[in-house]
Amino acid sequence: MAEDEDMGEKLSAPPDFDGPTSHRRHTDILCNILLWMMWISMTGLGIYAMQNGDYRLILYPLDYAGNLCGTEKGEIDMTEYPYLYYI
């Protein structure tokens, strides 16, 4: 832009203007409490699942008889068959 163009008068706030931050407050307290309760319950559920469950049921596929492919869990040793094929 050229210096000779008139941009108009520069805007400025009044001297007693404190800005919008002086009137801010937390308005969703119930939502915040529910969010924290959900985080705590999901963390507790995750800890319980890791201590009492078997993560391999999610990570490895099952064959038709319920044996985990690629593991020794089940009736037979499936370590030689790490993949599940659908035919």
PDB file of N, CA and C in Angstrom:
ATOM      1  N   MET A   1       0.839  -1.177   0.000  1.00  0.00           N
ATOM      2  CA  MET A   1       0.000   0.000   0.000  1.00  0.00           C
ATOM      3  C   MET A   1       0.882   1.237   0.000  1.00  0.00           C
ATOM      4  N   ALA A   2       0.375   2.196  -0.631  1.00  0.00           N
ATOM      5  CA  ALA A   2       1.111   3.460  -0.689  1.00  0.00           C
ATOM      6  C   ALA A   2       0.890   4.234   0.603  1.00  0.00           C
ATOM      7  N   GLU A   3       1.899   5.028   0.948  1.00  0.00           N
ATOM      8  CA  GLU A   3       1.808   5.800   2.193  1.00  0.00           C
ATOM      9  C   GLU A   3       0.814   6.943   2.090  1.00  0.00           C
ATOM     10  N   ASP A   4       0.509   7.377   0.893  1.00  0.00           N
ATOM     11  CA  ASP A   4      -0.378   8.520   0.752  1.00  0.00           C
ATOM     12  C   ASP A   4      -1.859   8.152   0.870  1.00  0.00           C
ATOM     13  N   GLU A   5      -2.185   6.830   0.958  1.00  0.00           N
ATOM     14  CA  GLU A   5      -3.585   6.451   1.114  1.00  0.00           C
ATOM     15  C   GLU A   5      -4.035   6.728   2.537  1.00  0.00           C
ATOM     16  N   ASP A   6      -5.251   7.231   2.675  1.00  0.00           N
ATOM     17  CA  ASP A   6      -5.806   7.542   3.990  1.00  0.00           C
ATOM     18  C   ASP A   6      -6.500   6.291   4.527  1.00  0.00           C
ATOM     19  N   MET A   7      -6.016   5.753   5.615  1.00  0.00           N
ATOM     20  CA  MET A   7      -6.585   4.568   6.225  1.00  0.00           C
ATOM     21  C   MET A   7      -7.653   4.923   7.252  1.00  0.00           C
ATOM     22  N   GLY A   8      -7.821   6.128   7.549  1.00  0.00           N
ATOM     23  CA  GLY A   8      -8.809   6.533   8.544  1.00  0.00           C
ATOM     24  C   GLY A   8      -8.197   6.619   9.923  1.00  0.00           C
ATOM     25  N   GLU A   9      -9.028   6.907  10.865  1.00  0.00           N
ATOM     26  CA  GLU A   9      -8.559   7.075  12.243  1.00  0.00           C
ATOM     27  C   GLU A   9      -8.372   5.711  12.891  1.00  0.00           C
ATOM     28  N   LYS A  10      -7.301   5.539  13.641  1.00  0.00           N
ATOM     29  CA  LYS A  10      -7.004   4.294  14.316  1.00  0.00           C
ATOM     30  C   LYS A  10      -7.979   4.114  15.480  1.00  0.00           C
ATOM     31  N   LEU A  11      -8.527   2.907  15.596  1.00  0.00           N
ATOM     32  CA  LEU A  11      -9.453   2.622  16.683  1.00  0.00           C
ATOM     33  C   LEU A  11      -8.684   2.316  17.951  1.00  0.00           C
ATOM     34  N   SER A  12      -9.215   2.776  19.070  1.00  0.00           N
ATOM     35  CA  SER A  12      -8.597   2.481  20.361  1.00  0.00           C
ATOM     36  C   SER A  12      -9.703   2.321  21.395  1.00  0.00           C
ATOM     37  N   ALA A  13      -9.424   1.542  22.411  1.00  0.00           N
ATOM     38  CA  ALA A  13     -10.395   1.296  23.472  1.00  0.00           C
ATOM     39  C   ALA A  13     -10.400   2.458  24.454  1.00  0.00           C
ATOM     40  N   PRO A  14     -11.528   2.671  25.136  1.00  0.00           N
ATOM     41  CA  PRO A  14     -11.566   3.713  26.155  1.00  0.00           C
ATOM     42  C   PRO A  14     -10.610   3.390  27.292  1.00  0.00           C
ATOM     43  N   PRO A  15     -10.148   4.389  28.017  1.00  0.00           N
ATOM     44  CA  PRO A  15      -9.164   4.145  29.087  1.00  0.00           C
ATOM     45  C   PRO A  15      -9.707   3.258  30.209  1.00  0.00           C
ATOM     46  N   ASP A  16     -11.007   3.272  30.459  1.00  0.00           N
ATOM     47  CA  ASP A  16     -11.560   2.470  31.547  1.00  0.00           C
ATOM     48  C   ASP A  16     -11.998   1.067  31.098  1.00  0.00           C
ATOM     49  N   PHE A  17     -11.709   0.691  29.861  1.00  0.00           N
ATOM     50  CA  PHE A  17     -12.094  -0.614  29.332  1.00  0.00           C
ATOM     51  C   PHE A  17     -11.149  -1.672  29.876  1.00  0.00           C
ATOM     52  N   ASP A  18     -11.718  -2.698  30.556  1.00  0.00           N
ATOM     53  CA  ASP A  18     -10.914  -3.746  31.176  1.00  0.00           C
ATOM     54  C   ASP A  18     -10.843  -4.997  30.301  1.00  0.00           C
ATOM     55  N   GLY A  19     -11.622  -5.049  29.250  1.00  0.00           N
ATOM     56  CA  GLY A  19     -11.608  -6.204  28.364  1.00  0.00           C
ATOM     57  C   GLY A  19     -12.650  -7.220  28.766  1.00  0.00           C
ATOM     58  N   PRO A  20     -12.839  -8.240  27.949  1.00  0.00           N
ATOM     59  CA  PRO A  20     -13.866  -9.231  28.232  1.00  0.00           C
ATOM     60  C   PRO A  20     -13.483 -10.225  29.325  1.00  0.00           C
ATOM     61  N   THR A  21     -12.225 -10.258  29.725  1.00  0.00           N
ATOM     62  CA  THR A  21     -11.800 -11.261  30.699  1.00  0.00           C
ATOM     63  C   THR A  21     -12.300 -10.979  32.103  1.00  0.00           C
ATOM     64  N   SER A  22     -12.690  -9.787  32.395  1.00  0.00           N
ATOM     65  CA  SER A  22     -13.148  -9.500  33.755  1.00  0.00           C
ATOM     66  C   SER A  22     -14.534 -10.074  34.023  1.00  0.00           C
ATOM     67  N   HIS A  23     -15.300 -10.403  32.986  1.00  0.00           N
ATOM     68  CA  HIS A  23     -16.652 -10.917  33.168  1.00  0.00           C
ATOM     69  C   HIS A  23     -16.765 -12.412  32.875  1.00  0.00           C
ATOM     70  N   ARG A  24     -15.663 -13.085  32.674  1.00  0.00           N
ATOM     71  CA  ARG A  24     -15.711 -14.506  32.356  1.00  0.00           C
ATOM     72  C   ARG A  24     -15.891 -15.327  33.620  1.00  0.00           C
ATOM     73  N   ARG A  25     -16.646 -16.434  33.453  1.00  0.00           N
ATOM     74  CA  ARG A  25     -16.818 -17.364  34.554  1.00  0.00           C
ATOM     75  C   ARG A  25     -17.135 -18.728  33.961  1.00  0.00           C
ATOM     76  N   HIS A  26     -17.023 -19.735  34.796  1.00  0.00           N
ATOM     77  CA  HIS A  26     -17.295 -21.095  34.348  1.00  0.00           C
ATOM     78  C   HIS A  26     -18.804 -21.313  34.366  1.00  0.00           C
ATOM     79  N   THR A  27     -19.385 -21.643  33.214  1.00  0.00           N
ATOM     80  CA  THR A  27     -20.836 -21.771  33.127  1.00  0.00           C
ATOM     81  C   THR A  27     -21.307 -23.216  33.035  1.00  0.00           C
ATOM     82  N   ASP A  28     -20.453 -24.155  32.691  1.00  0.00           N
ATOM     83  CA  ASP A  28     -20.860 -25.542  32.515  1.00  0.00           C
ATOM     84  C   ASP A  28     -20.305 -26.414  33.634  1.00  0.00           C
ATOM     85  N   ILE A  29     -20.658 -26.116  34.851  1.00  0.00           N
ATOM     86  CA  ILE A  29     -20.135 -26.866  35.990  1.00  0.00           C
ATOM     87  C   ILE A  29     -20.646 -28.294  35.976  1.00  0.00           C
ATOM     88  N   LEU A  30     -21.938 -28.490  35.690  1.00  0.00           N
ATOM     89  CA  LEU A  30     -22.494 -29.837  35.643  1.00  0.00           C
ATOM     90  C   LEU A  30     -21.813 -30.670  34.560  1.00  0.00           C
ATOM     91  N   CYS A  31     -21.583 -30.100  33.401  1.00  0.00           N
ATOM     92  CA  CYS A  31     -20.912 -30.816  32.314  1.00  0.00           C
ATOM     93  C   CYS A  31     -19.473 -31.168  32.717  1.00  0.00           C
ATOM     94  N   ASN A  32     -18.808 -30.276  33.398  1.00  0.00           N
ATOM     95  CA  ASN A  32     -17.442 -30.534  33.851  1.00  0.00           C
ATOM     96  C   ASN A  32     -17.411 -31.672  34.867  1.00  0.00           C
ATOM     97  N   ILE A  33     -18.365 -31.680  35.789  1.00  0.00           N
ATOM     98  CA  ILE A  33     -18.440 -32.754  36.788  1.00  0.00           C
ATOM     99  C   ILE A  33     -18.712 -34.088  36.108  1.00  0.00           C
ATOM    100  N   LEU A  34     -19.643 -34.110  35.153  1.00  0.00           N
ATOM    101  CA  LEU A  34     -19.944 -35.344  34.431  1.00  0.00           C
ATOM    102  C   LEU A  34     -18.742 -35.835  33.618  1.00  0.00           C
ATOM    103  N   LEU A  35     -18.000 -34.918  33.030  1.00  0.00           N
ATOM    104  CA  LEU A  35     -16.809 -35.288  32.276  1.00  0.00           C
ATOM    105  C   LEU A  35     -15.759 -35.921  33.187  1.00  0.00           C
ATOM    106  N   TRP A  36     -15.517 -35.327  34.338  1.00  0.00           N
ATOM    107  CA  TRP A  36     -14.557 -35.884  35.290  1.00  0.00           C
ATOM    108  C   TRP A  36     -15.016 -37.250  35.798  1.00  0.00           C
ATOM    109  N   MET A  37     -16.316 -37.396  36.074  1.00  0.00           N
ATOM    110  CA  MET A  37     -16.827 -38.694  36.522  1.00  0.00           C
ATOM    111  C   MET A  37     -16.638 -39.756  35.441  1.00  0.00           C
ATOM    112  N   MET A  38     -16.843 -39.381  34.189  1.00  0.00           N
ATOM    113  CA  MET A  38     -16.654 -40.317  33.080  1.00  0.00           C
ATOM    114  C   MET A  38     -15.187 -40.713  32.943  1.00  0.00           C
ATOM    115  N   TRP A  39     -14.283 -39.746  33.027  1.00  0.00           N
ATOM    116  CA  TRP A  39     -12.850 -40.060  32.956  1.00  0.00           C
ATOM    117  C   TRP A  39     -12.437 -41.015  34.079  1.00  0.00           C
ATOM    118  N   ILE A  40     -12.897 -40.734  35.286  1.00  0.00           N
ATOM    119  CA  ILE A  40     -12.531 -41.578  36.433  1.00  0.00           C
ATOM    120  C   ILE A  40     -13.101 -42.979  36.267  1.00  0.00           C
ATOM    121  N   SER A  41     -14.361 -43.088  35.856  1.00  0.00           N
ATOM    122  CA  SER A  41     -14.967 -44.411  35.697  1.00  0.00           C
ATOM    123  C   SER A  41     -14.321 -45.189  34.559  1.00  0.00           C
ATOM    124  N   MET A  42     -13.988 -44.541  33.455  1.00  0.00           N
ATOM    125  CA  MET A  42     -13.344 -45.249  32.349  1.00  0.00           C
ATOM    126  C   MET A  42     -11.919 -45.674  32.712  1.00  0.00           C
ATOM    127  N   THR A  43     -11.228 -44.872  33.500  1.00  0.00           N
ATOM    128  CA  THR A  43      -9.899 -45.259  33.969  1.00  0.00           C
ATOM    129  C   THR A  43     -10.002 -46.471  34.887  1.00  0.00           C
ATOM    130  N   GLY A  44     -10.970 -46.450  35.796  1.00  0.00           N
ATOM    131  CA  GLY A  44     -11.186 -47.592  36.692  1.00  0.00           C
ATOM    132  C   GLY A  44     -11.561 -48.848  35.929  1.00  0.00           C
ATOM    133  N   LEU A  45     -12.417 -48.709  34.931  1.00  0.00           N
ATOM    134  CA  LEU A  45     -12.804 -49.857  34.119  1.00  0.00           C
ATOM    135  C   LEU A  45     -11.607 -50.404  33.338  1.00  0.00           C
ATOM    136  N   GLY A  46     -10.762 -49.519  32.822  1.00  0.00           N
ATOM    137  CA  GLY A  46      -9.568 -49.964  32.116  1.00  0.00           C
ATOM    138  C   GLY A  46      -8.594 -50.696  33.018  1.00  0.00           C
ATOM    139  N   ILE A  47      -8.409 -50.207  34.233  1.00  0.00           N
ATOM    140  CA  ILE A  47      -7.522 -50.877  35.188  1.00  0.00           C
ATOM    141  C   ILE A  47      -8.081 -52.243  35.552  1.00  0.00           C
ATOM    142  N   TYR A  48      -9.386 -52.312  35.801  1.00  0.00           N
ATOM    143  CA  TYR A  48     -10.026 -53.591  36.127  1.00  0.00           C
ATOM    144  C   TYR A  48      -9.879 -54.581  34.972  1.00  0.00           C
ATOM    145  N   ALA A  49     -10.092 -54.106  33.750  1.00  0.00           N
ATOM    146  CA  ALA A  49      -9.992 -54.986  32.582  1.00  0.00           C
ATOM    147  C   ALA A  49      -8.572 -55.496  32.381  1.00  0.00           C
ATOM    148  N   MET A  50      -7.575 -54.650  32.610  1.00  0.00           N
ATOM    149  CA  MET A  50      -6.187 -55.086  32.437  1.00  0.00           C
ATOM    150  C   MET A  50      -5.787 -56.113  33.499  1.00  0.00           C
ATOM    151  N   GLN A  51      -6.321 -55.979  34.715  1.00  0.00           N
ATOM    152  CA  GLN A  51      -5.962 -56.900  35.787  1.00  0.00           C
ATOM    153  C   GLN A  51      -6.711 -58.232  35.685  1.00  0.00           C
ATOM    154  N   ASN A  52      -7.963 -58.209  35.253  1.00  0.00           N
ATOM    155  CA  ASN A  52      -8.793 -59.411  35.299  1.00  0.00           C
ATOM    156  C   ASN A  52      -9.118 -60.007  33.934  1.00  0.00           C
ATOM    157  N   GLY A  53      -8.839 -59.286  32.873  1.00  0.00           N
ATOM    158  CA  GLY A  53      -9.213 -59.768  31.548  1.00  0.00           C
ATOM    159  C   GLY A  53      -8.030 -60.313  30.781  1.00  0.00           C
ATOM    160  N   ASP A  54      -8.300 -60.719  29.560  1.00  0.00           N
ATOM    161  CA  ASP A  54      -7.267 -61.227  28.670  1.00  0.00           C
ATOM    162  C   ASP A  54      -7.266 -60.359  27.414  1.00  0.00           C
ATOM    163  N   TYR A  55      -6.271 -59.528  27.269  1.00  0.00           N
ATOM    164  CA  TYR A  55      -6.202 -58.595  26.152  1.00  0.00           C
ATOM    165  C   TYR A  55      -6.042 -59.313  24.813  1.00  0.00           C
ATOM    166  N   ARG A  56      -5.574 -60.533  24.848  1.00  0.00           N
ATOM    167  CA  ARG A  56      -5.354 -61.271  23.601  1.00  0.00           C
ATOM    168  C   ARG A  56      -6.659 -61.576  22.871  1.00  0.00           C
ATOM    169  N   LEU A  57      -7.771 -61.594  23.588  1.00  0.00           N
ATOM    170  CA  LEU A  57      -9.058 -61.839  22.940  1.00  0.00           C
ATOM    171  C   LEU A  57      -9.426 -60.710  21.991  1.00  0.00           C
ATOM    172  N   ILE A  58      -8.870 -59.534  22.204  1.00  0.00           N
ATOM    173  CA  ILE A  58      -9.130 -58.395  21.330  1.00  0.00           C
ATOM    174  C   ILE A  58      -8.083 -58.305  20.221  1.00  0.00           C
ATOM    175  N   LEU A  59      -6.830 -58.617  20.546  1.00  0.00           N
ATOM    176  CA  LEU A  59      -5.742 -58.439  19.587  1.00  0.00           C
ATOM    177  C   LEU A  59      -5.630 -59.557  18.558  1.00  0.00           C
ATOM    178  N   TYR A  60      -5.953 -60.788  18.949  1.00  0.00           N
ATOM    179  CA  TYR A  60      -5.775 -61.926  18.061  1.00  0.00           C
ATOM    180  C   TYR A  60      -7.133 -62.445  17.595  1.00  0.00           C
ATOM    181  N   PRO A  61      -7.199 -62.939  16.360  1.00  0.00           N
ATOM    182  CA  PRO A  61      -8.470 -63.493  15.870  1.00  0.00           C
ATOM    183  C   PRO A  61      -8.734 -64.885  16.461  1.00  0.00           C
ATOM    184  N   LEU A  62      -9.998 -65.288  16.445  1.00  0.00           N
ATOM    185  CA  LEU A  62     -10.412 -66.609  16.901  1.00  0.00           C
ATOM    186  C   LEU A  62     -10.769 -67.477  15.700  1.00  0.00           C
ATOM    187  N   ASP A  63     -10.503 -68.787  15.833  1.00  0.00           N
ATOM    188  CA  ASP A  63     -10.986 -69.680  14.793  1.00  0.00           C
ATOM    189  C   ASP A  63     -12.403 -70.135  15.146  1.00  0.00           C
ATOM    190  N   TYR A  64     -12.967 -71.045  14.361  1.00  0.00           N
ATOM    191  CA  TYR A  64     -14.354 -71.460  14.568  1.00  0.00           C
ATOM    192  C   TYR A  64     -14.566 -72.178  15.899  1.00  0.00           C
ATOM    193  N   ALA A  65     -13.511 -72.765  16.476  1.00  0.00           N
ATOM    194  CA  ALA A  65     -13.625 -73.508  17.731  1.00  0.00           C
ATOM    195  C   ALA A  65     -13.308 -72.635  18.948  1.00  0.00           C
ATOM    196  N   GLY A  66     -12.989 -71.368  18.755  1.00  0.00           N
ATOM    197  CA  GLY A  66     -12.689 -70.478  19.871  1.00  0.00           C
ATOM    198  C   GLY A  66     -11.230 -70.440  20.269  1.00  0.00           C
ATOM    199  N   ASN A  67     -10.353 -70.991  19.459  1.00  0.00           N
ATOM    200  CA  ASN A  67      -8.918 -70.953  19.723  1.00  0.00           C
ATOM    201  C   ASN A  67      -8.339 -69.654  19.193  1.00  0.00           C
ATOM    202  N   LEU A  68      -7.428 -69.060  19.954  1.00  0.00           N
ATOM    203  CA  LEU A  68      -6.774 -67.825  19.530  1.00  0.00           C
ATOM    204  C   LEU A  68      -5.657 -68.134  18.552  1.00  0.00           C
ATOM    205  N   CYS A  69      -5.727 -67.555  17.382  1.00  0.00           N
ATOM    206  CA  CYS A  69      -4.696 -67.776  16.368  1.00  0.00           C
ATOM    207  C   CYS A  69      -3.378 -67.135  16.809  1.00  0.00           C
ATOM    208  N   GLY A  70      -2.288 -67.883  16.692  1.00  0.00           N
ATOM    209  CA  GLY A  70      -0.973 -67.365  17.024  1.00  0.00           C
ATOM    210  C   GLY A  70      -0.615 -67.483  18.492  1.00  0.00           C
ATOM    211  N   THR A  71      -1.455 -68.119  19.314  1.00  0.00           N
ATOM    212  CA  THR A  71      -1.174 -68.276  20.743  1.00  0.00           C
ATOM    213  C   THR A  71      -1.412 -69.722  21.166  1.00  0.00           C
ATOM    214  N   GLU A  72      -1.121 -70.010  22.422  1.00  0.00           N
ATOM    215  CA  GLU A  72      -1.374 -71.332  22.988  1.00  0.00           C
ATOM    216  C   GLU A  72      -2.687 -71.381  23.759  1.00  0.00           C
ATOM    217  N   LYS A  73      -3.431 -70.296  23.796  1.00  0.00           N
ATOM    218  CA  LYS A  73      -4.685 -70.268  24.539  1.00  0.00           C
ATOM    219  C   LYS A  73      -5.755 -71.002  23.743  1.00  0.00           C
ATOM    220  N   GLY A  74      -6.437 -71.911  24.364  1.00  0.00           N
ATOM    221  CA  GLY A  74      -7.459 -72.708  23.698  1.00  0.00           C
ATOM    222  C   GLY A  74      -7.150 -74.181  23.843  1.00  0.00           C
ATOM    223  N   GLU A  75      -7.892 -74.976  23.120  1.00  0.00           N
ATOM    224  CA  GLU A  75      -7.722 -76.422  23.230  1.00  0.00           C
ATOM    225  C   GLU A  75      -6.446 -76.921  22.559  1.00  0.00           C
ATOM    226  N   ILE A  76      -6.038 -76.257  21.481  1.00  0.00           N
ATOM    227  CA  ILE A  76      -4.851 -76.715  20.757  1.00  0.00           C
ATOM    228  C   ILE A  76      -3.852 -75.562  20.628  1.00  0.00           C
ATOM    229  N   ASP A  77      -2.604 -75.927  20.350  1.00  0.00           N
ATOM    230  CA  ASP A  77      -1.542 -74.933  20.167  1.00  0.00           C
ATOM    231  C   ASP A  77      -1.658 -74.329  18.770  1.00  0.00           C
ATOM    232  N   MET A  78      -1.919 -73.033  18.712  1.00  0.00           N
ATOM    233  CA  MET A  78      -2.113 -72.343  17.430  1.00  0.00           C
ATOM    234  C   MET A  78      -0.943 -71.421  17.083  1.00  0.00           C
ATOM    235  N   THR A  79       0.228 -71.620  17.701  1.00  0.00           N
ATOM    236  CA  THR A  79       1.357 -70.728  17.436  1.00  0.00           C
ATOM    237  C   THR A  79       1.861 -70.842  16.007  1.00  0.00           C
ATOM    238  N   GLU A  80       1.626 -71.974  15.348  1.00  0.00           N
ATOM    239  CA  GLU A  80       2.053 -72.125  13.956  1.00  0.00           C
ATOM    240  C   GLU A  80       1.082 -71.463  12.991  1.00  0.00           C
ATOM    241  N   TYR A  81      -0.075 -71.019  13.484  1.00  0.00           N
ATOM    242  CA  TYR A  81      -1.103 -70.408  12.646  1.00  0.00           C
ATOM    243  C   TYR A  81      -1.404 -68.994  13.158  1.00  0.00           C
ATOM    244  N   PRO A  82      -0.543 -68.027  12.823  1.00  0.00           N
ATOM    245  CA  PRO A  82      -0.743 -66.684  13.370  1.00  0.00           C
ATOM    246  C   PRO A  82      -1.836 -65.869  12.681  1.00  0.00           C
ATOM    247  N   TYR A  83      -2.329 -66.309  11.530  1.00  0.00           N
ATOM    248  CA  TYR A  83      -3.290 -65.504  10.772  1.00  0.00           C
ATOM    249  C   TYR A  83      -4.597 -66.265  10.628  1.00  0.00           C
ATOM    250  N   LEU A  84      -5.660 -65.513  10.525  1.00  0.00           N
ATOM    251  CA  LEU A  84      -6.981 -66.073  10.292  1.00  0.00           C
ATOM    252  C   LEU A  84      -7.373 -65.786   8.858  1.00  0.00           C
ATOM    253  N   TYR A  85      -7.815 -66.779   8.147  1.00  0.00           N
ATOM    254  CA  TYR A  85      -8.251 -66.614   6.762  1.00  0.00           C
ATOM    255  C   TYR A  85      -9.731 -66.951   6.656  1.00  0.00           C
ATOM    256  N   TYR A  86     -10.479 -66.070   6.044  1.00  0.00           N
ATOM    257  CA  TYR A  86     -11.886 -66.334   5.791  1.00  0.00           C
ATOM    258  C   TYR A  86     -12.023 -66.877   4.377  1.00  0.00           C
ATOM    259  N   ILE A  87     -12.647 -68.009   4.266  1.00  0.00           N
ATOM    260  CA  ILE A  87     -12.813 -68.630   2.948  1.00  0.00           C
ATOM    261  C   ILE A  87     -14.297 -68.695   2.631  1.00  0.00           C
TER     262      ILE A  87
END
